[in-house]
Amino acid sequence: MNEKTYRLLIVGDHPATAKTLITMLEIAPFKLEIAFAVDAQSADEELRRIKYDGMVLDLMLPGRTAAVLLSTLNEDPAFRRFPVLVYSPVENRYQEDHALKNQQNLRIVTLPRPYSPTELIEKIRDMVRLEKN
Protein backbone atom coordinates (compact mmCIF):
# COMPACT_ATOMS: atom_id res chain seq x y z
CA MET A 1 0.00 0.00 0.00
CA ASN A 2 1.36 3.42 -1.00
CA GLU A 3 0.64 5.80 1.88
CA LYS A 4 0.49 9.49 0.99
CA THR A 5 3.16 11.74 2.45
CA TYR A 6 1.77 15.06 3.69
CA ARG A 7 3.85 18.20 3.28
CA LEU A 8 3.75 20.40 6.34
CA LEU A 9 5.33 23.84 6.75
CA ILE A 10 6.21 24.78 10.32
CA VAL A 11 6.56 28.52 10.85
CA GLY A 12 8.24 29.79 14.00
CA ASP A 13 11.27 31.75 15.05
CA HIS A 14 12.45 29.46 17.86
CA PRO A 15 14.61 26.52 16.70
CA ALA A 16 14.04 24.69 20.00
CA THR A 17 10.27 24.79 19.45
CA ALA A 18 10.71 23.48 15.90
CA LYS A 19 12.84 20.60 17.19
CA THR A 20 10.22 19.81 19.81
CA LEU A 21 7.48 19.77 17.17
CA ILE A 22 9.50 17.39 14.99
CA THR A 23 10.15 15.09 17.92
CA MET A 24 6.43 15.07 18.76
CA LEU A 25 5.45 14.41 15.14
CA GLU A 26 7.86 11.46 14.75
CA ILE A 27 5.25 9.23 16.40
CA ALA A 28 2.45 10.34 14.06
CA PRO A 29 0.62 7.41 12.40
CA PHE A 30 0.96 9.08 8.98
CA LYS A 31 3.91 10.20 6.86
CA LEU A 32 5.01 13.81 7.02
CA GLU A 33 7.54 15.78 5.03
CA ILE A 34 8.36 18.83 7.15
CA ALA A 35 9.91 22.12 6.11
CA PHE A 36 10.57 25.24 8.19
CA ALA A 37 10.27 28.97 7.86
CA VAL A 38 11.52 31.34 10.55
CA ASP A 39 9.26 34.29 9.75
CA ALA A 40 6.07 35.24 7.91
CA GLN A 41 7.85 36.55 4.82
CA SER A 42 9.84 33.35 4.21
CA ALA A 43 6.71 31.29 4.97
CA ASP A 44 4.74 33.19 2.33
CA GLU A 45 7.52 32.66 -0.22
CA GLU A 46 7.82 28.95 0.62
CA LEU A 47 4.05 28.38 0.40
CA ARG A 48 4.03 29.91 -3.09
CA ARG A 49 7.07 27.88 -4.18
CA ILE A 50 5.90 24.41 -3.06
CA LYS A 51 2.41 22.99 -2.54
CA TYR A 52 1.94 22.12 1.12
CA ASP A 53 -0.92 20.16 2.67
CA GLY A 54 -0.95 22.40 5.73
CA MET A 55 0.94 24.84 7.90
CA VAL A 56 1.72 24.95 11.62
CA LEU A 57 2.05 28.62 12.57
CA ASP A 58 3.42 30.22 15.72
CA LEU A 59 1.29 33.28 16.32
CA MET A 60 4.22 35.16 17.86
CA LEU A 61 6.52 35.99 14.93
CA PRO A 62 9.03 38.82 14.57
CA GLY A 63 8.75 41.35 11.76
CA ARG A 64 5.79 40.75 9.47
CA THR A 65 3.20 39.27 11.79
CA ALA A 66 1.33 35.99 11.62
CA ALA A 67 -1.88 38.02 11.31
CA VAL A 68 -0.57 39.66 8.13
CA LEU A 69 0.47 36.28 6.72
CA LEU A 70 -2.95 34.80 7.45
CA SER A 71 -4.68 37.79 5.89
CA THR A 72 -2.52 37.55 2.76
CA LEU A 73 -3.25 33.84 2.35
CA ASN A 74 -6.94 34.37 3.11
CA GLU A 75 -7.24 36.86 0.23
CA ASP A 76 -5.51 34.56 -2.28
CA PRO A 77 -7.89 32.12 -4.05
CA ALA A 78 -5.02 29.62 -4.39
CA PHE A 79 -5.17 29.13 -0.62
CA ARG A 80 -8.92 28.75 -0.28
CA ARG A 81 -9.61 26.20 2.48
CA PHE A 82 -5.87 25.85 3.19
CA PRO A 83 -5.42 24.18 6.60
CA VAL A 84 -3.51 26.12 9.24
CA LEU A 85 -2.78 25.00 12.79
CA VAL A 86 -2.13 28.08 14.92
CA TYR A 87 -0.38 27.61 18.23
CA SER A 88 0.24 30.24 20.86
CA PRO A 89 0.52 30.65 24.60
CA VAL A 90 -2.84 30.91 26.32
CA GLU A 91 -1.90 34.38 27.62
CA ASN A 92 -1.86 35.73 24.04
CA ARG A 93 -5.63 35.34 23.61
CA TYR A 94 -6.17 38.93 22.41
CA GLN A 95 -3.47 38.63 19.75
CA GLU A 96 -4.89 35.26 18.67
CA ASP A 97 -8.40 36.67 18.36
CA HIS A 98 -7.08 39.60 16.29
CA ALA A 99 -5.00 37.35 14.00
CA LEU A 100 -7.84 34.91 13.33
CA LYS A 101 -10.58 37.48 12.79
CA ASN A 102 -12.10 37.42 9.28
CA GLN A 103 -9.98 34.53 7.97
CA GLN A 104 -13.03 32.66 6.66
CA ASN A 105 -11.31 31.34 3.50
CA LEU A 106 -8.70 29.39 5.48
CA ARG A 107 -9.30 26.28 7.58
CA ILE A 108 -7.84 27.30 10.90
CA VAL A 109 -7.42 25.00 13.88
CA THR A 110 -6.04 26.41 17.14
CA LEU A 111 -3.82 24.72 19.71
CA PRO A 112 -2.99 26.65 22.89
CA ARG A 113 0.37 25.98 24.52
CA PRO A 114 1.30 23.94 26.38
CA TYR A 115 0.14 20.90 24.45
CA SER A 116 0.97 17.22 24.43
CA PRO A 117 2.30 15.20 21.49
CA THR A 118 -1.08 13.45 21.29
CA GLU A 119 -2.95 16.76 21.06
CA LEU A 120 -0.57 18.01 18.35
CA ILE A 121 -0.90 14.83 16.30
CA GLU A 122 -4.70 14.85 16.61
CA LYS A 123 -4.81 18.45 15.36
CA ILE A 124 -2.48 17.63 12.45
CA ARG A 125 -4.61 14.58 11.64
CA ASP A 126 -7.69 16.83 11.60
CA MET A 127 -5.89 19.19 9.22
CA VAL A 128 -4.95 16.32 6.91
CA ARG A 129 -8.55 15.12 6.85
CA LEU A 130 -9.74 18.64 6.12
CA GLU A 131 -7.36 18.89 3.16
CA LYS A 132 -8.66 15.62 1.68
CA ASN A 133 -12.25 16.90 1.60
C-alpha atoms as a PDB file:
ATOM      1  CA  MET A   1       0.000   0.000   0.000  1.00  0.00           C
ATOM      2  CA  ASN A   2       1.359   3.419  -1.000  1.00  0.00           C
ATOM      3  CA  GLU A   3       0.643   5.800   1.877  1.00  0.00           C
ATOM      4  CA  LYS A   4       0.494   9.495   0.994  1.00  0.00           C
ATOM      5  CA  THR A   5       3.163  11.744   2.447  1.00  0.00           C
ATOM      6  CA  TYR A   6       1.773  15.056   3.687  1.00  0.00           C
ATOM      7  CA  ARG A   7       3.846  18.197   3.283  1.00  0.00           C
ATOM      8  CA  LEU A   8       3.750  20.404   6.337  1.00  0.00           C
ATOM      9  CA  LEU A   9       5.331  23.835   6.752  1.00  0.00           C
ATOM     10  CA  ILE A  10       6.214  24.776  10.323  1.00  0.00           C
ATOM     11  CA  VAL A  11       6.564  28.520  10.852  1.00  0.00           C
ATOM     12  CA  GLY A  12       8.237  29.788  13.998  1.00  0.00           C
ATOM     13  CA  ASP A  13      11.275  31.755  15.050  1.00  0.00           C
ATOM     14  CA  HIS A  14      12.449  29.458  17.863  1.00  0.00           C
ATOM     15  CA  PRO A  15      14.611  26.515  16.702  1.00  0.00           C
ATOM     16  CA  ALA A  16      14.038  24.687  19.999  1.00  0.00           C
ATOM     17  CA  THR A  17      10.272  24.785  19.451  1.00  0.00           C
ATOM     18  CA  ALA A  18      10.706  23.483  15.905  1.00  0.00           C
ATOM     19  CA  LYS A  19      12.840  20.599  17.194  1.00  0.00           C
ATOM     20  CA  THR A  20      10.216  19.814  19.814  1.00  0.00           C
ATOM     21  CA  LEU A  21       7.480  19.774  17.167  1.00  0.00           C
ATOM     22  CA  ILE A  22       9.497  17.393  14.988  1.00  0.00           C
ATOM     23  CA  THR A  23      10.150  15.088  17.918  1.00  0.00           C
ATOM     24  CA  MET A  24       6.429  15.073  18.757  1.00  0.00           C
ATOM     25  CA  LEU A  25       5.448  14.407  15.142  1.00  0.00           C
ATOM     26  CA  GLU A  26       7.862  11.458  14.750  1.00  0.00           C
ATOM     27  CA  ILE A  27       5.248   9.235  16.398  1.00  0.00           C
ATOM     28  CA  ALA A  28       2.448  10.339  14.059  1.00  0.00           C
ATOM     29  CA  PRO A  29       0.620   7.411  12.405  1.00  0.00           C
ATOM     30  CA  PHE A  30       0.961   9.077   8.980  1.00  0.00           C
ATOM     31  CA  LYS A  31       3.909  10.197   6.856  1.00  0.00           C
ATOM     32  CA  LEU A  32       5.011  13.811   7.015  1.00  0.00           C
ATOM     33  CA  GLU A  33       7.543  15.784   5.035  1.00  0.00           C
ATOM     34  CA  ILE A  34       8.357  18.827   7.146  1.00  0.00           C
ATOM     35  CA  ALA A  35       9.906  22.122   6.107  1.00  0.00           C
ATOM     36  CA  PHE A  36      10.571  25.241   8.188  1.00  0.00           C
ATOM     37  CA  ALA A  37      10.271  28.973   7.856  1.00  0.00           C
ATOM     38  CA  VAL A  38      11.524  31.342  10.546  1.00  0.00           C
ATOM     39  CA  ASP A  39       9.265  34.289   9.745  1.00  0.00           C
ATOM     40  CA  ALA A  40       6.069  35.240   7.913  1.00  0.00           C
ATOM     41  CA  GLN A  41       7.853  36.550   4.818  1.00  0.00           C
ATOM     42  CA  SER A  42       9.839  33.354   4.214  1.00  0.00           C
ATOM     43  CA  ALA A  43       6.709  31.295   4.970  1.00  0.00           C
ATOM     44  CA  ASP A  44       4.736  33.191   2.334  1.00  0.00           C
ATOM     45  CA  GLU A  45       7.516  32.661  -0.217  1.00  0.00           C
ATOM     46  CA  GLU A  46       7.818  28.952   0.624  1.00  0.00           C
ATOM     47  CA  LEU A  47       4.047  28.380   0.401  1.00  0.00           C
ATOM     48  CA  ARG A  48       4.032  29.907  -3.091  1.00  0.00           C
ATOM     49  CA  ARG A  49       7.067  27.885  -4.182  1.00  0.00           C
ATOM     50  CA  ILE A  50       5.903  24.410  -3.057  1.00  0.00           C
ATOM     51  CA  LYS A  51       2.414  22.986  -2.536  1.00  0.00           C
ATOM     52  CA  TYR A  52       1.941  22.116   1.125  1.00  0.00           C
ATOM     53  CA  ASP A  53      -0.917  20.157   2.668  1.00  0.00           C
ATOM     54  CA  GLY A  54      -0.953  22.397   5.728  1.00  0.00           C
ATOM     55  CA  MET A  55       0.939  24.839   7.897  1.00  0.00           C
ATOM     56  CA  VAL A  56       1.716  24.953  11.618  1.00  0.00           C
ATOM     57  CA  LEU A  57       2.048  28.619  12.567  1.00  0.00           C
ATOM     58  CA  ASP A  58       3.419  30.222  15.720  1.00  0.00           C
ATOM     59  CA  LEU A  59       1.291  33.277  16.322  1.00  0.00           C
ATOM     60  CA  MET A  60       4.224  35.162  17.861  1.00  0.00           C
ATOM     61  CA  LEU A  61       6.518  35.986  14.927  1.00  0.00           C
ATOM     62  CA  PRO A  62       9.028  38.818  14.572  1.00  0.00           C
ATOM     63  CA  GLY A  63       8.750  41.353  11.755  1.00  0.00           C
ATOM     64  CA  ARG A  64       5.793  40.747   9.474  1.00  0.00           C
ATOM     65  CA  THR A  65       3.196  39.270  11.787  1.00  0.00           C
ATOM     66  CA  ALA A  66       1.329  35.986  11.617  1.00  0.00           C
ATOM     67  CA  ALA A  67      -1.879  38.016  11.312  1.00  0.00           C
ATOM     68  CA  VAL A  68      -0.565  39.664   8.125  1.00  0.00           C
ATOM     69  CA  LEU A  69       0.474  36.280   6.719  1.00  0.00           C
ATOM     70  CA  LEU A  70      -2.952  34.796   7.451  1.00  0.00           C
ATOM     71  CA  SER A  71      -4.679  37.794   5.894  1.00  0.00           C
ATOM     72  CA  THR A  72      -2.515  37.553   2.760  1.00  0.00           C
ATOM     73  CA  LEU A  73      -3.253  33.840   2.353  1.00  0.00           C
ATOM     74  CA  ASN A  74      -6.939  34.367   3.112  1.00  0.00           C
ATOM     75  CA  GLU A  75      -7.238  36.857   0.234  1.00  0.00           C
ATOM     76  CA  ASP A  76      -5.514  34.556  -2.283  1.00  0.00           C
ATOM     77  CA  PRO A  77      -7.894  32.124  -4.055  1.00  0.00           C
ATOM     78  CA  ALA A  78      -5.022  29.625  -4.392  1.00  0.00           C
ATOM     79  CA  PHE A  79      -5.168  29.131  -0.616  1.00  0.00           C
ATOM     80  CA  ARG A  80      -8.917  28.753  -0.276  1.00  0.00           C
ATOM     81  CA  ARG A  81      -9.609  26.198   2.483  1.00  0.00           C
ATOM     82  CA  PHE A  82      -5.868  25.854   3.193  1.00  0.00           C
ATOM     83  CA  PRO A  83      -5.416  24.179   6.604  1.00  0.00           C
ATOM     84  CA  VAL A  84      -3.505  26.122   9.237  1.00  0.00           C
ATOM     85  CA  LEU A  85      -2.782  25.005  12.789  1.00  0.00           C
ATOM     86  CA  VAL A  86      -2.127  28.083  14.925  1.00  0.00           C
ATOM     87  CA  TYR A  87      -0.383  27.610  18.233  1.00  0.00           C
ATOM     88  CA  SER A  88       0.239  30.242  20.857  1.00  0.00           C
ATOM     89  CA  PRO A  89       0.524  30.646  24.598  1.00  0.00           C
ATOM     90  CA  VAL A  90      -2.839  30.914  26.321  1.00  0.00           C
ATOM     91  CA  GLU A  91      -1.901  34.379  27.624  1.00  0.00           C
ATOM     92  CA  ASN A  92      -1.864  35.730  24.040  1.00  0.00           C
ATOM     93  CA  ARG A  93      -5.634  35.343  23.614  1.00  0.00           C
ATOM     94  CA  TYR A  94      -6.165  38.932  22.414  1.00  0.00           C
ATOM     95  CA  GLN A  95      -3.470  38.627  19.751  1.00  0.00           C
ATOM     96  CA  GLU A  96      -4.885  35.264  18.667  1.00  0.00           C
ATOM     97  CA  ASP A  97      -8.400  36.674  18.356  1.00  0.00           C
ATOM     98  CA  HIS A  98      -7.083  39.597  16.291  1.00  0.00           C
ATOM     99  CA  ALA A  99      -5.003  37.350  13.995  1.00  0.00           C
ATOM    100  CA  LEU A 100      -7.836  34.909  13.330  1.00  0.00           C
ATOM    101  CA  LYS A 101     -10.584  37.476  12.790  1.00  0.00           C
ATOM    102  CA  ASN A 102     -12.096  37.423   9.277  1.00  0.00           C
ATOM    103  CA  GLN A 103      -9.979  34.533   7.971  1.00  0.00           C
ATOM    104  CA  GLN A 104     -13.025  32.662   6.661  1.00  0.00           C
ATOM    105  CA  ASN A 105     -11.310  31.338   3.496  1.00  0.00           C
ATOM    106  CA  LEU A 106      -8.704  29.386   5.478  1.00  0.00           C
ATOM    107  CA  ARG A 107      -9.298  26.275   7.576  1.00  0.00           C
ATOM    108  CA  ILE A 108      -7.841  27.303  10.904  1.00  0.00           C
ATOM    109  CA  VAL A 109      -7.420  25.002  13.882  1.00  0.00           C
ATOM    110  CA  THR A 110      -6.038  26.405  17.139  1.00  0.00           C
ATOM    111  CA  LEU A 111      -3.824  24.724  19.714  1.00  0.00           C
ATOM    112  CA  PRO A 112      -2.991  26.654  22.893  1.00  0.00           C
ATOM    113  CA  ARG A 113       0.372  25.978  24.518  1.00  0.00           C
ATOM    114  CA  PRO A 114       1.305  23.940  26.380  1.00  0.00           C
ATOM    115  CA  TYR A 115       0.140  20.904  24.446  1.00  0.00           C
ATOM    116  CA  SER A 116       0.966  17.216  24.432  1.00  0.00           C
ATOM    117  CA  PRO A 117       2.302  15.200  21.486  1.00  0.00           C
ATOM    118  CA  THR A 118      -1.080  13.448  21.291  1.00  0.00           C
ATOM    119  CA  GLU A 119      -2.945  16.765  21.060  1.00  0.00           C
ATOM    120  CA  LEU A 120      -0.570  18.008  18.354  1.00  0.00           C
ATOM    121  CA  ILE A 121      -0.902  14.832  16.298  1.00  0.00           C
ATOM    122  CA  GLU A 122      -4.699  14.851  16.605  1.00  0.00           C
ATOM    123  CA  LYS A 123      -4.810  18.449  15.363  1.00  0.00           C
ATOM    124  CA  ILE A 124      -2.484  17.632  12.451  1.00  0.00           C
ATOM    125  CA  ARG A 125      -4.610  14.578  11.645  1.00  0.00           C
ATOM    126  CA  ASP A 126      -7.688  16.833  11.604  1.00  0.00           C
ATOM    127  CA  MET A 127      -5.886  19.194   9.223  1.00  0.00           C
ATOM    128  CA  VAL A 128      -4.948  16.319   6.912  1.00  0.00           C
ATOM    129  CA  ARG A 129      -8.555  15.124   6.853  1.00  0.00           C
ATOM    130  CA  LEU A 130      -9.739  18.640   6.124  1.00  0.00           C
ATOM    131  CA  GLU A 131      -7.360  18.893   3.165  1.00  0.00           C
ATOM    132  CA  LYS A 132      -8.658  15.623   1.682  1.00  0.00           C
ATOM    133  CA  ASN A 133     -12.254  16.898   1.603  1.00  0.00           C
END
